[in-house]
Amino acid sequence: MQITIHSVRFDADQKLLNFINKKIEKLTQFDDELISSDVFLRIENATDKSNKLVEVKINTGFNELFASKKCESFEEAVDLIQEILIRQVKKNKQKKRLV
């Protein structure tokens, strides 16, 4: 699966990029037909500490999966998104079998 990471208005360090690649690549264990994913990292102008926004869009060829989370750190948001996307990928794979 091709993974593209977009950090909006800041430069993400290599450690964060590697972490995201590892987490998103793990989704291929549940469906090996995932085509590509776009990951968007943003820092919101909020007064609270939860200002790190992560959005992930995955193209499966069958349809698109999407998840978004706002947390205190990008790593925490990616962990939560991974759990959400695992459920979506499993459901999507079942739907493909029925078609």
Protein backbone atom coordinates (compact mmCIF):
# COMPACT_ATOMS: atom_id res chain seq x y z
CA MET A 1 0.00 0.00 0.00
CA GLN A 2 1.25 3.46 -0.88
CA ILE A 3 1.24 5.81 2.14
CA THR A 4 1.40 9.58 1.62
CA ILE A 5 1.82 11.83 4.66
CA HIS A 6 0.96 15.52 4.46
CA SER A 7 2.00 17.75 7.36
CA VAL A 8 0.09 21.00 6.96
CA ARG A 9 2.02 24.18 7.86
CA PHE A 10 4.82 22.39 9.76
CA ASP A 11 7.59 19.86 9.13
CA ALA A 12 7.09 16.46 10.76
CA ASP A 13 10.23 14.76 12.05
CA GLN A 14 11.37 11.41 10.69
CA LYS A 15 10.54 9.57 13.92
CA LEU A 16 6.87 10.60 13.62
CA LEU A 17 6.78 9.68 9.91
CA ASN A 18 8.21 6.22 10.62
CA PHE A 19 5.69 5.69 13.44
CA ILE A 20 2.77 6.60 11.17
CA ASN A 21 4.04 4.40 8.33
CA LYS A 22 4.36 1.43 10.68
CA LYS A 23 0.84 1.88 12.11
CA ILE A 24 -0.87 2.38 8.74
CA GLU A 25 1.07 -0.45 7.07
CA LYS A 26 -0.25 -2.80 9.77
CA LEU A 27 -3.73 -2.43 8.25
CA THR A 28 -2.63 -4.60 5.31
CA GLN A 29 -2.68 -7.58 7.70
CA PHE A 30 -6.47 -7.37 7.65
CA ASP A 31 -6.91 -6.69 3.92
CA ASP A 32 -4.02 -7.01 1.49
CA GLU A 33 -5.96 -5.26 -1.30
CA LEU A 34 -5.68 -1.75 0.19
CA ILE A 35 -4.40 0.55 -2.56
CA SER A 36 -3.30 3.82 -0.96
CA SER A 37 -3.67 6.05 2.06
CA ASP A 38 -3.37 9.78 2.67
CA VAL A 39 -2.51 10.97 6.17
CA PHE A 40 -3.02 14.62 7.06
CA LEU A 41 -1.36 16.11 10.16
CA ARG A 42 -2.51 19.51 11.40
CA ILE A 43 -1.95 21.65 14.47
CA GLU A 44 -5.18 23.46 15.25
CA ASN A 45 -5.21 26.97 16.73
CA ALA A 46 -7.00 25.92 19.90
CA THR A 47 -6.49 27.02 23.48
CA ASP A 48 -6.75 23.49 24.88
CA LYS A 49 -3.96 20.92 24.78
CA SER A 50 -5.81 18.62 22.38
CA ASN A 51 -4.85 20.53 19.27
CA LYS A 52 -3.14 17.83 17.16
CA LEU A 53 -5.48 16.67 14.38
CA VAL A 54 -4.84 13.53 12.33
CA GLU A 55 -7.03 12.51 9.38
CA VAL A 56 -6.54 9.30 7.40
CA LYS A 57 -8.23 8.46 4.11
CA ILE A 58 -7.73 4.96 2.65
CA ASN A 59 -8.59 3.96 -0.91
CA THR A 60 -9.58 0.28 -1.03
CA GLY A 61 -10.61 0.15 -4.67
CA PHE A 62 -14.08 -0.85 -3.44
CA ASN A 63 -14.68 2.41 -1.55
CA GLU A 64 -12.92 4.93 0.71
CA LEU A 65 -12.41 4.63 4.45
CA PHE A 66 -11.91 7.69 6.64
CA ALA A 67 -11.02 8.39 10.27
CA SER A 68 -10.15 11.56 12.12
CA LYS A 69 -8.99 12.23 15.70
CA LYS A 70 -7.84 15.23 17.70
CA CYS A 71 -5.56 14.51 20.68
CA GLU A 72 -2.69 15.96 22.70
CA SER A 73 -0.09 14.17 20.56
CA PHE A 74 0.05 12.88 17.01
CA GLU A 75 1.12 9.42 18.24
CA GLU A 76 -1.95 9.10 20.47
CA ALA A 77 -4.24 10.16 17.63
CA VAL A 78 -2.63 7.68 15.20
CA ASP A 79 -3.05 4.84 17.73
CA LEU A 80 -6.76 5.60 18.10
CA ILE A 81 -7.23 5.97 14.35
CA GLN A 82 -5.54 2.63 13.76
CA GLU A 83 -8.11 0.90 16.00
CA ILE A 84 -10.97 2.62 14.16
CA LEU A 85 -9.57 1.75 10.74
CA ILE A 86 -8.99 -1.90 11.66
CA ARG A 87 -12.74 -2.23 12.32
CA GLN A 88 -13.56 -0.39 9.08
CA VAL A 89 -11.16 -2.54 7.02
CA LYS A 90 -12.66 -5.76 8.44
CA LYS A 91 -16.22 -4.59 7.66
CA ASN A 92 -15.16 -3.48 4.18
CA LYS A 93 -13.57 -6.85 3.47
CA GLN A 94 -16.76 -8.65 4.50
CA LYS A 95 -18.83 -6.42 2.21
CA LYS A 96 -16.49 -7.20 -0.71
CA ARG A 97 -17.02 -10.93 -0.17
CA LEU A 98 -20.80 -10.52 -0.34
CA VAL A 99 -20.69 -8.61 -3.63
